[in-house]
């Protein structure tokens, strides 16, 4: 009777099998690393685009509301002798400043309330009230803080009928100090239903070198002039990480028809203006704004070098505002938008 022998692998066969397995494993590892790298790049790009679009959305949305003060027409105000300090916490200064719906600083930071501002970036100030009244549904309550603005709709001789613009509106750090009325008033002082009260917003947008502490993440931030329990202060709020540069051009309406005729980064000195009062008038003529943002990825991309240059609008001299290549490992993208300001433009055409 024949006996069967147990079969096995030879050493050569084992070595061939191990070699094939190692090749397959190397291929799978390479594929995994490649896919992981691609996923990380997609995530970096998504965050860059998301932050850039969000920053642009905040800026453009705020600018479209510039100069909105409810029932009050700010064109009735006398222009201040010089551009006000947007960091000033004095209520009388804040009240007088609403004549300027926008205000800006070209590549410089003269404001005491801002720190860590990125060199060569612009600062833009936007003023308006909330579009809803305190106490309305889905609107902040008075406890959220002020300052507050109340506009009269009462046509008696104590308010709109007085001929004195100081009686047309009131601004206060607390909402209980306001005492103007709606259209249902009569000839008696203090008659009628209380007029709506709105939060008065002064927003100062700038690019900081750091998001938090000294983390090195450039960030779009906003300084907000607020009042709590009657005390006015300036709070800094980070808005969008990775925003590396902000450049702004202002469209001036030179013939008073509500349409921008010339764009400049320095309205205060446009059209040969050299006097302070002339510069303030130019700011009051702004009816459109061009916003340019440069956003970068949150982290570096291995094996990448940014050799590109980026153009963000024009300089004060009317030349292309070009940022030269940084040769680092961050990817960048420019976001630009032209924003019309319907409130000041509409007053010029009405």
C-alpha atoms as a PDB file:
ATOM      1  CA  UNK A   1       0.000   0.000   0.000  1.00  0.00           C
ATOM      2  CA  UNK A   2       1.351   3.440  -0.984  1.00  0.00           C
ATOM      3  CA  UNK A   3       1.587   6.157   1.717  1.00  0.00           C
ATOM      4  CA  UNK A   4       0.829   9.833   0.793  1.00  0.00           C
ATOM      5  CA  UNK A   5       3.294  12.587   1.634  1.00  0.00           C
ATOM      6  CA  UNK A   6       2.229  15.943   3.106  1.00  0.00           C
ATOM      7  CA  UNK A   7       2.765  18.741   0.566  1.00  0.00           C
ATOM      8  CA  UNK A   8       4.184  22.221   1.516  1.00  0.00           C
ATOM      9  CA  UNK A   9       5.775  25.386   0.076  1.00  0.00           C
ATOM     10  CA  UNK A  10       9.330  25.549  -0.938  1.00  0.00           C
ATOM     11  CA  UNK A  11      11.571  28.344   0.313  1.00  0.00           C
ATOM     12  CA  UNK A  12      11.520  29.953  -3.118  1.00  0.00           C
ATOM     13  CA  UNK A  13       7.717  29.934  -3.192  1.00  0.00           C
ATOM     14  CA  UNK A  14       7.562  31.512   0.272  1.00  0.00           C
ATOM     15  CA  UNK A  15       9.985  34.229  -0.741  1.00  0.00           C
ATOM     16  CA  UNK A  16       7.983  34.982  -3.897  1.00  0.00           C
ATOM     17  CA  UNK A  17       4.740  35.167  -1.872  1.00  0.00           C
ATOM     18  CA  UNK A  18       6.307  37.464   0.728  1.00  0.00           C
ATOM     19  CA  UNK A  19       7.699  39.721  -2.021  1.00  0.00           C
ATOM     20  CA  UNK A  20       4.305  39.993  -3.713  1.00  0.00           C
ATOM     21  CA  UNK A  21       2.636  40.718  -0.369  1.00  0.00           C
ATOM     22  CA  UNK A  22       5.154  43.463   0.396  1.00  0.00           C
ATOM     23  CA  UNK A  23       4.592  45.024  -3.027  1.00  0.00           C
ATOM     24  CA  UNK A  24       0.830  44.982  -2.479  1.00  0.00           C
ATOM     25  CA  UNK A  25       1.261  46.465   1.001  1.00  0.00           C
ATOM     26  CA  UNK A  26       3.543  49.206  -0.338  1.00  0.00           C
ATOM     27  CA  UNK A  27       1.024  50.029  -3.041  1.00  0.00           C
ATOM     28  CA  UNK A  28      -1.839  50.169  -0.566  1.00  0.00           C
ATOM     29  CA  UNK A  29       0.233  52.333   1.815  1.00  0.00           C
ATOM     30  CA  UNK A  30       1.135  54.705  -1.015  1.00  0.00           C
ATOM     31  CA  UNK A  31      -2.524  54.899  -2.050  1.00  0.00           C
ATOM     32  CA  UNK A  32      -3.600  55.560   1.542  1.00  0.00           C
ATOM     33  CA  UNK A  33      -0.994  58.299   2.029  1.00  0.00           C
ATOM     34  CA  UNK A  34      -1.899  59.875  -1.316  1.00  0.00           C
ATOM     35  CA  UNK A  35      -5.623  59.820  -0.544  1.00  0.00           C
ATOM     36  CA  UNK A  36      -5.002  61.228   2.927  1.00  0.00           C
ATOM     37  CA  UNK A  37      -2.843  64.021   1.478  1.00  0.00           C
ATOM     38  CA  UNK A  38      -5.495  64.809  -1.135  1.00  0.00           C
ATOM     39  CA  UNK A  39      -8.211  64.858   1.536  1.00  0.00           C
ATOM     40  CA  UNK A  40      -6.171  67.243   3.680  1.00  0.00           C
ATOM     41  CA  UNK A  41      -5.633  69.545   0.684  1.00  0.00           C
ATOM     42  CA  UNK A  42      -9.360  69.504  -0.052  1.00  0.00           C
ATOM     43  CA  UNK A  43     -10.073  70.317   3.594  1.00  0.00           C
ATOM     44  CA  UNK A  44      -7.563  73.202   3.529  1.00  0.00           C
ATOM     45  CA  UNK A  45      -9.112  74.562   0.340  1.00  0.00           C
ATOM     46  CA  UNK A  46     -12.648  74.239   1.707  1.00  0.00           C
ATOM     47  CA  UNK A  47     -11.762  76.115   4.880  1.00  0.00           C
ATOM     48  CA  UNK A  48      -9.987  78.821   2.891  1.00  0.00           C
ATOM     49  CA  UNK A  49     -13.003  79.342   0.621  1.00  0.00           C
ATOM     50  CA  UNK A  50     -15.463  79.130   3.505  1.00  0.00           C
ATOM     51  CA  UNK A  51     -13.580  81.707   5.587  1.00  0.00           C
ATOM     52  CA  UNK A  52     -13.128  84.017   2.599  1.00  0.00           C
ATOM     53  CA  UNK A  53     -16.788  83.865   1.611  1.00  0.00           C
ATOM     54  CA  UNK A  54     -17.940  84.280   5.206  1.00  0.00           C
ATOM     55  CA  UNK A  55     -15.712  87.324   5.707  1.00  0.00           C
ATOM     56  CA  UNK A  56     -16.960  88.854   2.464  1.00  0.00           C
ATOM     57  CA  UNK A  57     -20.569  88.106   3.396  1.00  0.00           C
ATOM     58  CA  UNK A  58     -20.178  89.876   6.758  1.00  0.00           C
ATOM     59  CA  UNK A  59     -18.541  92.929   5.213  1.00  0.00           C
ATOM     60  CA  UNK A  60     -20.886  93.314   2.262  1.00  0.00           C
ATOM     61  CA  UNK A  61     -23.993  92.722   4.376  1.00  0.00           C
ATOM     62  CA  UNK A  62     -22.933  95.372   6.868  1.00  0.00           C
ATOM     63  CA  UNK A  63     -22.023  97.842   4.137  1.00  0.00           C
ATOM     64  CA  UNK A  64     -25.418  97.475   2.462  1.00  0.00           C
ATOM     65  CA  UNK A  65     -27.003  98.661   5.707  1.00  0.00           C
ATOM     66  CA  UNK A  66     -24.615 101.625   6.074  1.00  0.00           C
ATOM     67  CA  UNK A  67     -26.491 104.845   6.780  1.00  0.00           C
ATOM     68  CA  UNK A  68     -29.738 103.138   7.812  1.00  0.00           C
ATOM     69  CA  UNK A  69     -31.187 104.900  10.868  1.00  0.00           C
ATOM     70  CA  UNK A  70     -34.793 103.798  10.790  1.00  0.00           C
ATOM     71  CA  UNK A  71     -37.124 106.760  10.202  1.00  0.00           C
ATOM     72  CA  UNK A  72     -34.325 109.314  10.543  1.00  0.00           C
ATOM     73  CA  UNK A  73     -32.820 110.919   7.434  1.00  0.00           C
ATOM     74  CA  UNK A  74     -29.165 111.559   8.263  1.00  0.00           C
ATOM     75  CA  UNK A  75     -28.785 113.963   5.347  1.00  0.00           C
ATOM     76  CA  UNK A  76     -30.414 116.596   7.603  1.00  0.00           C
ATOM     77  CA  UNK A  77     -27.320 116.572   9.829  1.00  0.00           C
ATOM     78  CA  UNK A  78     -24.572 119.158   9.636  1.00  0.00           C
ATOM     79  CA  UNK A  79     -21.236 117.578   8.772  1.00  0.00           C
ATOM     80  CA  UNK A  80     -18.689 117.581  11.610  1.00  0.00           C
ATOM     81  CA  UNK A  81     -15.727 119.901  11.134  1.00  0.00           C
ATOM     82  CA  UNK A  82     -13.353 116.913  10.962  1.00  0.00           C
ATOM     83  CA  UNK A  83     -13.717 113.164  10.656  1.00  0.00           C
ATOM     84  CA  UNK A  84     -14.683 111.761  14.083  1.00  0.00           C
ATOM     85  CA  UNK A  85     -12.671 109.135  15.929  1.00  0.00           C
ATOM     86  CA  UNK A  86     -14.683 105.904  15.588  1.00  0.00           C
ATOM     87  CA  UNK A  87     -13.155 104.650  18.847  1.00  0.00           C
ATOM     88  CA  UNK A  88     -14.549 107.587  20.838  1.00  0.00           C
ATOM     89  CA  UNK A  89     -16.934 106.443  23.578  1.00  0.00           C
ATOM     90  CA  UNK A  90     -18.490 109.866  24.237  1.00  0.00           C
ATOM     91  CA  UNK A  91     -22.192 109.733  23.328  1.00  0.00           C
ATOM     92  CA  UNK A  92     -22.167 113.228  21.821  1.00  0.00           C
ATOM     93  CA  UNK A  93     -19.316 112.214  19.470  1.00  0.00           C
ATOM     94  CA  UNK A  94     -21.072 108.949  18.574  1.00  0.00           C
ATOM     95  CA  UNK A  95     -24.272 110.876  17.852  1.00  0.00           C
ATOM     96  CA  UNK A  96     -22.519 113.407  15.604  1.00  0.00           C
ATOM     97  CA  UNK A  97     -20.601 110.658  13.788  1.00  0.00           C
ATOM     98  CA  UNK A  98     -23.715 109.094  12.258  1.00  0.00           C
ATOM     99  CA  UNK A  99     -23.483 111.787   9.559  1.00  0.00           C
ATOM    100  CA  UNK A 100     -20.658 109.623   8.125  1.00  0.00           C
ATOM    101  CA  UNK A 101     -22.110 106.228   7.203  1.00  0.00           C
ATOM    102  CA  UNK A 102     -18.664 104.918   6.242  1.00  0.00           C
ATOM    103  CA  UNK A 103     -15.137 105.980   7.083  1.00  0.00           C
ATOM    104  CA  UNK A 104     -11.777 104.386   6.359  1.00  0.00           C
ATOM    105  CA  UNK A 105      -8.007 104.370   6.737  1.00  0.00           C
ATOM    106  CA  UNK A 106      -5.755 103.374   3.857  1.00  0.00           C
ATOM    107  CA  UNK A 107      -2.969 101.014   4.957  1.00  0.00           C
ATOM    108  CA  UNK A 108      -2.504 102.658   8.348  1.00  0.00           C
ATOM    109  CA  UNK A 109      -3.811 102.424  11.902  1.00  0.00           C
ATOM    110  CA  UNK A 110      -4.300 105.772  13.661  1.00  0.00           C
ATOM    111  CA  UNK A 111      -6.919 104.330  16.062  1.00  0.00           C
ATOM    112  CA  UNK A 112      -6.110 103.832  19.741  1.00  0.00           C
ATOM    113  CA  UNK A 113      -8.712 101.087  20.217  1.00  0.00           C
ATOM    114  CA  UNK A 114      -7.085  98.743  17.674  1.00  0.00           C
ATOM    115  CA  UNK A 115      -3.960  96.683  18.307  1.00  0.00           C
ATOM    116  CA  UNK A 116      -2.060  94.053  16.326  1.00  0.00           C
ATOM    117  CA  UNK A 117      -3.268  95.503  13.002  1.00  0.00           C
ATOM    118  CA  UNK A 118      -1.490  93.875  10.045  1.00  0.00           C
ATOM    119  CA  UNK A 119       0.860  96.259   8.231  1.00  0.00           C
ATOM    120  CA  UNK A 120      -0.393  97.682   4.941  1.00  0.00           C
ATOM    121  CA  UNK A 121      -4.012  96.588   5.394  1.00  0.00           C
ATOM    122  CA  UNK A 122      -7.024  98.901   5.352  1.00  0.00           C
ATOM    123  CA  UNK A 123      -9.511  99.704   8.099  1.00  0.00           C
ATOM    124  CA  UNK A 124     -13.164 100.414   7.300  1.00  0.00           C
ATOM    125  CA  UNK A 125     -15.824 101.816   9.637  1.00  0.00           C
ATOM    126  CA  UNK A 126     -19.531 101.156   9.054  1.00  0.00           C
ATOM    127  CA  UNK A 127     -22.343 102.959  10.922  1.00  0.00           C
ATOM    128  CA  UNK A 128     -26.066 102.161  10.968  1.00  0.00           C
ATOM    129  CA  UNK A 129     -28.813 101.014  13.295  1.00  0.00           C
ATOM    130  CA  UNK A 130     -30.192  97.511  13.588  1.00  0.00           C
ATOM    131  CA  UNK A 131     -32.898  96.862  11.009  1.00  0.00           C
ATOM    132  CA  UNK A 132     -35.274  95.720  13.762  1.00  0.00           C
ATOM    133  CA  UNK A 133     -36.510  97.686  16.779  1.00  0.00           C
ATOM    134  CA  UNK A 134     -35.767  96.737  20.371  1.00  0.00           C
ATOM    135  CA  UNK A 135     -38.582  94.504  21.580  1.00  0.00           C
ATOM    136  CA  UNK A 136     -39.501  93.150  18.125  1.00  0.00           C
ATOM    137  CA  UNK A 137     -39.621  89.397  17.597  1.00  0.00           C
ATOM    138  CA  UNK A 138     -36.194  87.948  16.662  1.00  0.00           C
ATOM    139  CA  UNK A 139     -34.494  91.194  17.688  1.00  0.00           C
ATOM    140  CA  UNK A 140     -31.998  91.789  20.481  1.00  0.00           C
ATOM    141  CA  UNK A 141     -33.459  93.188  23.669  1.00  0.00           C
ATOM    142  CA  UNK A 142     -32.181  96.338  25.353  1.00  0.00           C
ATOM    143  CA  UNK A 143     -30.225  94.070  27.712  1.00  0.00           C
ATOM    144  CA  UNK A 144     -27.942  93.178  24.794  1.00  0.00           C
ATOM    145  CA  UNK A 145     -26.558  96.695  25.071  1.00  0.00           C
ATOM    146  CA  UNK A 146     -26.512  99.926  23.122  1.00  0.00           C
ATOM    147  CA  UNK A 147     -25.950 102.672  22.256  1.00  0.00           C
ATOM    148  CA  UNK A 148     -29.517 103.296  21.148  1.00  0.00           C
ATOM    149  CA  UNK A 149     -31.082 105.625  18.592  1.00  0.00           C
ATOM    150  CA  UNK A 150     -34.692 106.800  18.487  1.00  0.00           C
ATOM    151  CA  UNK A 151     -36.099 108.703  15.506  1.00  0.00           C
ATOM    152  CA  UNK A 152     -39.182 110.872  15.774  1.00  0.00           C
ATOM    153  CA  UNK A 153     -42.196 110.546  13.493  1.00  0.00           C
ATOM    154  CA  UNK A 154     -44.181 113.172  15.425  1.00  0.00           C
ATOM    155  CA  UNK A 155     -44.800 116.376  13.469  1.00  0.00           C
ATOM    156  CA  UNK A 156     -45.611 118.719  16.348  1.00  0.00           C
ATOM    157  CA  UNK A 157     -43.534 121.784  17.168  1.00  0.00           C
ATOM    158  CA  UNK A 158     -41.586 119.930  19.842  1.00  0.00           C
ATOM    159  CA  UNK A 159     -40.149 117.314  17.503  1.00  0.00           C
ATOM    160  CA  UNK A 160     -40.146 117.214  13.676  1.00  0.00           C
ATOM    161  CA  UNK A 161     -42.107 120.441  13.415  1.00  0.00           C
ATOM    162  CA  UNK A 162     -39.548 122.334  15.478  1.00  0.00           C
ATOM    163  CA  UNK A 163     -37.212 122.888  12.528  1.00  0.00           C
ATOM    164  CA  UNK A 164     -34.305 121.859  14.759  1.00  0.00           C
ATOM    165  CA  UNK A 165     -32.594 118.641  13.673  1.00  0.00           C
ATOM    166  CA  UNK A 166     -31.522 118.047  17.271  1.00  0.00           C
ATOM    167  CA  UNK A 167     -35.184 117.293  18.042  1.00  0.00           C
ATOM    168  CA  UNK A 168     -35.541 114.802  15.185  1.00  0.00           C
ATOM    169  CA  UNK A 169     -33.587 112.009  16.858  1.00  0.00           C
ATOM    170  CA  UNK A 170     -31.932 111.044  20.134  1.00  0.00           C
ATOM    171  CA  UNK A 171     -28.922 108.858  20.934  1.00  0.00           C
ATOM    172  CA  UNK A 172     -28.246 107.462  24.388  1.00  0.00           C
ATOM    173  CA  UNK A 173     -26.180 104.811  26.140  1.00  0.00           C
ATOM    174  CA  UNK A 174     -29.375 103.522  27.805  1.00  0.00           C
ATOM    175  CA  UNK A 175     -32.782 103.000  26.215  1.00  0.00           C
ATOM    176  CA  UNK A 176     -34.759 104.580  29.069  1.00  0.00           C
ATOM    177  CA  UNK A 177     -33.399 108.072  28.292  1.00  0.00           C
ATOM    178  CA  UNK A 178     -35.205 108.310  24.946  1.00  0.00           C
ATOM    179  CA  UNK A 179     -38.501 110.197  24.690  1.00  0.00           C
ATOM    180  CA  UNK A 180     -39.578 110.738  21.053  1.00  0.00           C
ATOM    181  CA  UNK A 181     -42.918 109.727  19.547  1.00  0.00           C
ATOM    182  CA  UNK A 182     -44.790 108.222  16.612  1.00  0.00           C
ATOM    183  CA  UNK A 183     -47.188 109.978  14.213  1.00  0.00           C
ATOM    184  CA  UNK A 184     -50.137 109.633  16.601  1.00  0.00           C
ATOM    185  CA  UNK A 185     -48.925 112.577  18.702  1.00  0.00           C
ATOM    186  CA  UNK A 186     -50.907 115.816  18.979  1.00  0.00           C
ATOM    187  CA  UNK A 187     -49.802 119.408  19.556  1.00  0.00           C
ATOM    188  CA  UNK A 188     -49.020 118.696  23.200  1.00  0.00           C
ATOM    189  CA  UNK A 189     -45.439 118.103  24.301  1.00  0.00           C
ATOM    190  CA  UNK A 190     -44.790 114.442  25.135  1.00  0.00           C
ATOM    191  CA  UNK A 191     -47.994 113.179  23.522  1.00  0.00           C
ATOM    192  CA  UNK A 192     -48.253 110.055  21.386  1.00  0.00           C
ATOM    193  CA  UNK A 193     -46.884 106.531  21.428  1.00  0.00           C
ATOM    194  CA  UNK A 194     -43.161 106.096  22.030  1.00  0.00           C
ATOM    195  CA  UNK A 195     -41.205 105.821  18.771  1.00  0.00           C
ATOM    196  CA  UNK A 196     -39.240 102.608  18.075  1.00  0.00           C
ATOM    197  CA  UNK A 197     -35.778 102.326  19.602  1.00  0.00           C
ATOM    198  CA  UNK A 198     -32.967 100.724  17.625  1.00  0.00           C
ATOM    199  CA  UNK A 199     -29.448  99.674  18.542  1.00  0.00           C
ATOM    200  CA  UNK A 200     -26.881 102.035  17.005  1.00  0.00           C
ATOM    201  CA  UNK A 201     -23.995 100.042  15.530  1.00  0.00           C
ATOM    202  CA  UNK A 202     -20.464 101.281  14.917  1.00  0.00           C
ATOM    203  CA  UNK A 203     -18.367  98.501  13.389  1.00  0.00           C
ATOM    204  CA  UNK A 204     -14.640  98.873  12.696  1.00  0.00           C
ATOM    205  CA  UNK A 205     -13.258  96.114  10.440  1.00  0.00           C
ATOM    206  CA  UNK A 206      -9.532  95.337  10.332  1.00  0.00           C
ATOM    207  CA  UNK A 207      -7.060  92.488   9.780  1.00  0.00           C
ATOM    208  CA  UNK A 208      -5.053  91.368  12.804  1.00  0.00           C
ATOM    209  CA  UNK A 209      -1.768  89.453  12.764  1.00  0.00           C
ATOM    210  CA  UNK A 210      -3.114  86.906  15.229  1.00  0.00           C
ATOM    211  CA  UNK A 211      -6.434  85.256  15.950  1.00  0.00           C
ATOM    212  CA  UNK A 212      -5.701  84.538  19.607  1.00  0.00           C
ATOM    213  CA  UNK A 213      -2.635  85.701  21.472  1.00  0.00           C
ATOM    214  CA  UNK A 214       0.404  85.244  19.233  1.00  0.00           C
ATOM    215  CA  UNK A 215      -0.760  82.219  17.244  1.00  0.00           C
ATOM    216  CA  UNK A 216       0.326  83.783  13.924  1.00  0.00           C
ATOM    217  CA  UNK A 217      -3.037  83.234  12.226  1.00  0.00           C
ATOM    218  CA  UNK A 218      -4.094  86.412  10.354  1.00  0.00           C
ATOM    219  CA  UNK A 219      -7.738  87.132  11.111  1.00  0.00           C
ATOM    220  CA  UNK A 220     -10.472  89.534  10.094  1.00  0.00           C
ATOM    221  CA  UNK A 221     -11.697  91.199  13.277  1.00  0.00           C
ATOM    222  CA  UNK A 222     -14.317  93.792  14.173  1.00  0.00           C
ATOM    223  CA  UNK A 223     -14.222  96.417  16.883  1.00  0.00           C
ATOM    224  CA  UNK A 224     -17.719  97.185  18.168  1.00  0.00           C
ATOM    225  CA  UNK A 225     -18.707 100.293  20.121  1.00  0.00           C
ATOM    226  CA  UNK A 226     -21.153  99.052  22.746  1.00  0.00           C
ATOM    227  CA  UNK A 227     -22.730 100.272  25.966  1.00  0.00           C
ATOM    228  CA  UNK A 228     -23.578  98.135  28.978  1.00  0.00           C
ATOM    229  CA  UNK A 229     -25.491  99.653  31.889  1.00  0.00           C
ATOM    230  CA  UNK A 230     -24.711 103.104  30.525  1.00  0.00           C
ATOM    231  CA  UNK A 231     -20.956 102.546  30.184  1.00  0.00           C
ATOM    232  CA  UNK A 232     -19.639 102.753  26.620  1.00  0.00           C
ATOM    233  CA  UNK A 233     -16.619 100.679  25.572  1.00  0.00           C
ATOM    234  CA  UNK A 234     -15.032  99.071  22.512  1.00  0.00           C
ATOM    235  CA  UNK A 235     -15.013  95.272  22.184  1.00  0.00           C
ATOM    236  CA  UNK A 236     -12.889  93.333  19.674  1.00  0.00           C
ATOM    237  CA  UNK A 237     -14.539  90.319  18.026  1.00  0.00           C
ATOM    238  CA  UNK A 238     -12.647  87.829  15.777  1.00  0.00           C
ATOM    239  CA  UNK A 239     -14.678  87.005  12.664  1.00  0.00           C
ATOM    240  CA  UNK A 240     -12.787  84.838  10.156  1.00  0.00           C
ATOM    241  CA  UNK A 241      -9.384  83.139  10.392  1.00  0.00           C
ATOM    242  CA  UNK A 242      -6.959  83.118   7.491  1.00  0.00           C
ATOM    243  CA  UNK A 243      -7.880  86.571   6.154  1.00  0.00           C
ATOM    244  CA  UNK A 244      -4.489  88.041   5.349  1.00  0.00           C
ATOM    245  CA  UNK A 245      -5.301  91.353   3.688  1.00  0.00           C
ATOM    246  CA  UNK A 246      -8.147  93.838   3.299  1.00  0.00           C
ATOM    247  CA  UNK A 247      -8.132  96.613   0.696  1.00  0.00           C
ATOM    248  CA  UNK A 248     -11.031  99.018   0.154  1.00  0.00           C
ATOM    249  CA  UNK A 249     -11.940 101.513  -2.575  1.00  0.00           C
ATOM    250  CA  UNK A 250     -14.742 104.037  -2.125  1.00  0.00           C
ATOM    251  CA  UNK A 251     -17.065 105.210  -4.886  1.00  0.00           C
ATOM    252  CA  UNK A 252     -17.812 108.945  -4.674  1.00  0.00           C
ATOM    253  CA  UNK A 253     -20.933 110.537  -6.111  1.00  0.00           C
ATOM    254  CA  UNK A 254     -19.520 113.798  -7.452  1.00  0.00           C
ATOM    255  CA  UNK A 255     -22.672 115.063  -9.188  1.00  0.00           C
ATOM    256  CA  UNK A 256     -25.230 114.161  -6.505  1.00  0.00           C
ATOM    257  CA  UNK A 257     -27.251 111.663  -8.560  1.00  0.00           C
ATOM    258  CA  UNK A 258     -26.726 108.621  -6.309  1.00  0.00           C
ATOM    259  CA  UNK A 259     -24.236 106.911  -8.656  1.00  0.00           C
ATOM    260  CA  UNK A 260     -20.499 106.517  -8.023  1.00  0.00           C
ATOM    261  CA  UNK A 261     -18.474 108.606 -10.485  1.00  0.00           C
ATOM    262  CA  UNK A 262     -14.952 107.989  -9.218  1.00  0.00           C
ATOM    263  CA  UNK A 263     -13.305 105.365  -6.991  1.00  0.00           C
ATOM    264  CA  UNK A 264     -10.492 106.133  -4.587  1.00  0.00           C
ATOM    265  CA  UNK A 265      -8.841 104.648  -1.508  1.00  0.00           C
ATOM    266  CA  UNK A 266      -8.585 108.095   0.132  1.00  0.00           C
ATOM    267  CA  UNK A 267     -11.878 110.005  -0.211  1.00  0.00           C
ATOM    268  CA  UNK A 268     -10.721 112.655   2.255  1.00  0.00           C
ATOM    269  CA  UNK A 269      -8.193 113.955  -0.278  1.00  0.00           C
ATOM    270  CA  UNK A 270     -10.045 113.128  -3.501  1.00  0.00           C
ATOM    271  CA  UNK A 271     -10.675 115.748  -6.182  1.00  0.00           C
ATOM    272  CA  UNK A 272      -7.932 118.007  -4.889  1.00  0.00           C
ATOM    273  CA  UNK A 273      -9.449 118.298  -1.421  1.00  0.00           C
ATOM    274  CA  UNK A 274      -6.998 119.411   1.233  1.00  0.00           C
ATOM    275  CA  UNK A 275      -9.160 120.878   4.008  1.00  0.00           C
ATOM    276  CA  UNK A 276     -10.666 118.816   6.843  1.00  0.00           C
ATOM    277  CA  UNK A 277     -14.223 119.940   6.137  1.00  0.00           C
ATOM    278  CA  UNK A 278     -13.863 119.106   2.452  1.00  0.00           C
ATOM    279  CA  UNK A 279     -12.617 115.615   3.365  1.00  0.00           C
ATOM    280  CA  UNK A 280     -15.641 114.987   5.583  1.00  0.00           C
ATOM    281  CA  UNK A 281     -17.953 116.022   2.748  1.00  0.00           C
ATOM    282  CA  UNK A 282     -16.213 113.527   0.477  1.00  0.00           C
ATOM    283  CA  UNK A 283     -16.848 110.726   2.976  1.00  0.00           C
ATOM    284  CA  UNK A 284     -20.499 111.708   3.010  1.00  0.00           C
ATOM    285  CA  UNK A 285     -20.523 111.308  -0.796  1.00  0.00           C
ATOM    286  CA  UNK A 286     -19.575 107.613  -0.722  1.00  0.00           C
ATOM    287  CA  UNK A 287     -22.359 105.574  -2.373  1.00  0.00           C
ATOM    288  CA  UNK A 288     -20.472 102.369  -3.255  1.00  0.00           C
ATOM    289  CA  UNK A 289     -17.533 100.365  -1.951  1.00  0.00           C
ATOM    290  CA  UNK A 290     -15.173  97.878  -3.589  1.00  0.00           C
ATOM    291  CA  UNK A 291     -13.918  95.276  -1.105  1.00  0.00           C
ATOM    292  CA  UNK A 292     -10.882  93.063  -1.754  1.00  0.00           C
ATOM    293  CA  UNK A 293      -9.867  90.252   0.607  1.00  0.00           C
ATOM    294  CA  UNK A 294      -6.903  87.880   0.474  1.00  0.00           C
ATOM    295  CA  UNK A 295      -7.544  84.555   2.220  1.00  0.00           C
ATOM    296  CA  UNK A 296      -4.958  81.856   2.855  1.00  0.00           C
ATOM    297  CA  UNK A 297      -5.218  78.208   3.880  1.00  0.00           C
ATOM    298  CA  UNK A 298      -5.119  77.584   7.648  1.00  0.00           C
ATOM    299  CA  UNK A 299      -2.020  75.362   7.446  1.00  0.00           C
ATOM    300  CA  UNK A 300       0.892  74.872   5.065  1.00  0.00           C
ATOM    301  CA  UNK A 301       0.800  72.452   2.127  1.00  0.00           C
ATOM    302  CA  UNK A 302       3.794  70.114   1.962  1.00  0.00           C
ATOM    303  CA  UNK A 303       5.670  70.346  -1.310  1.00  0.00           C
ATOM    304  CA  UNK A 304       3.946  73.601  -2.335  1.00  0.00           C
ATOM    305  CA  UNK A 305       5.526  77.036  -2.787  1.00  0.00           C
ATOM    306  CA  UNK A 306       3.419  80.133  -3.369  1.00  0.00           C
ATOM    307  CA  UNK A 307       5.186  81.975  -6.167  1.00  0.00           C
ATOM    308  CA  UNK A 308       2.107  83.959  -7.222  1.00  0.00           C
ATOM    309  CA  UNK A 309       1.458  87.670  -6.840  1.00  0.00           C
ATOM    310  CA  UNK A 310      -2.026  88.977  -5.999  1.00  0.00           C
ATOM    311  CA  UNK A 311      -3.789  92.173  -7.063  1.00  0.00           C
ATOM    312  CA  UNK A 312      -6.278  93.739  -4.654  1.00  0.00           C
ATOM    313  CA  UNK A 313      -7.781  96.771  -6.367  1.00  0.00           C
ATOM    314  CA  UNK A 314      -5.900 100.026  -6.813  1.00  0.00           C
ATOM    315  CA  UNK A 315      -3.574 102.121  -4.697  1.00  0.00           C
ATOM    316  CA  UNK A 316      -4.123 105.765  -3.781  1.00  0.00           C
ATOM    317  CA  UNK A 317      -2.069 106.645  -6.866  1.00  0.00           C
ATOM    318  CA  UNK A 318      -4.442 104.675  -9.087  1.00  0.00           C
ATOM    319  CA  UNK A 319      -1.955 101.868  -9.751  1.00  0.00           C
ATOM    320  CA  UNK A 320      -2.649  98.157  -9.283  1.00  0.00           C
ATOM    321  CA  UNK A 321      -2.290  97.203  -5.616  1.00  0.00           C
ATOM    322  CA  UNK A 322      -0.152  94.094  -6.086  1.00  0.00           C
ATOM    323  CA  UNK A 323       1.165  91.887  -3.292  1.00  0.00           C
ATOM    324  CA  UNK A 324       4.354  90.117  -4.290  1.00  0.00           C
ATOM    325  CA  UNK A 325       4.950  86.376  -3.921  1.00  0.00           C
ATOM    326  CA  UNK A 326       5.706  85.212  -0.393  1.00  0.00           C
ATOM    327  CA  UNK A 327       7.352  81.912  -1.466  1.00  0.00           C
ATOM    328  CA  UNK A 328       5.903  80.137   1.560  1.00  0.00           C
ATOM    329  CA  UNK A 329       3.745  76.999   1.650  1.00  0.00           C
ATOM    330  CA  UNK A 330       0.305  78.618   2.061  1.00  0.00           C
ATOM    331  CA  UNK A 331      -2.232  78.655  -0.773  1.00  0.00           C
ATOM    332  CA  UNK A 332      -4.134  81.900  -1.286  1.00  0.00           C
ATOM    333  CA  UNK A 333      -7.234  83.241  -3.035  1.00  0.00           C
ATOM    334  CA  UNK A 334      -8.553  86.758  -3.735  1.00  0.00           C
ATOM    335  CA  UNK A 335     -12.196  87.628  -3.064  1.00  0.00           C
ATOM    336  CA  UNK A 336     -13.610  90.885  -4.472  1.00  0.00           C
ATOM    337  CA  UNK A 337     -17.039  92.504  -4.426  1.00  0.00           C
ATOM    338  CA  UNK A 338     -18.639  95.780  -5.479  1.00  0.00           C
ATOM    339  CA  UNK A 339     -21.196  96.866  -2.876  1.00  0.00           C
ATOM    340  CA  UNK A 340     -23.772  99.561  -3.482  1.00  0.00           C
ATOM    341  CA  UNK A 341     -24.908 101.590  -0.461  1.00  0.00           C
ATOM    342  CA  UNK A 342     -28.655 101.992  -1.027  1.00  0.00           C
ATOM    343  CA  UNK A 343     -29.403 104.234   1.962  1.00  0.00           C
ATOM    344  CA  UNK A 344     -27.072 107.191   1.196  1.00  0.00           C
ATOM    345  CA  UNK A 345     -27.507 106.697  -2.558  1.00  0.00           C
ATOM    346  CA  UNK A 346     -31.281 106.651  -2.265  1.00  0.00           C
ATOM    347  CA  UNK A 347     -31.391 109.907  -0.328  1.00  0.00           C
ATOM    348  CA  UNK A 348     -29.563 111.634  -3.168  1.00  0.00           C
ATOM    349  CA  UNK A 349     -32.112 110.498  -5.759  1.00  0.00           C
ATOM    350  CA  UNK A 350     -35.284 111.028  -3.707  1.00  0.00           C
END
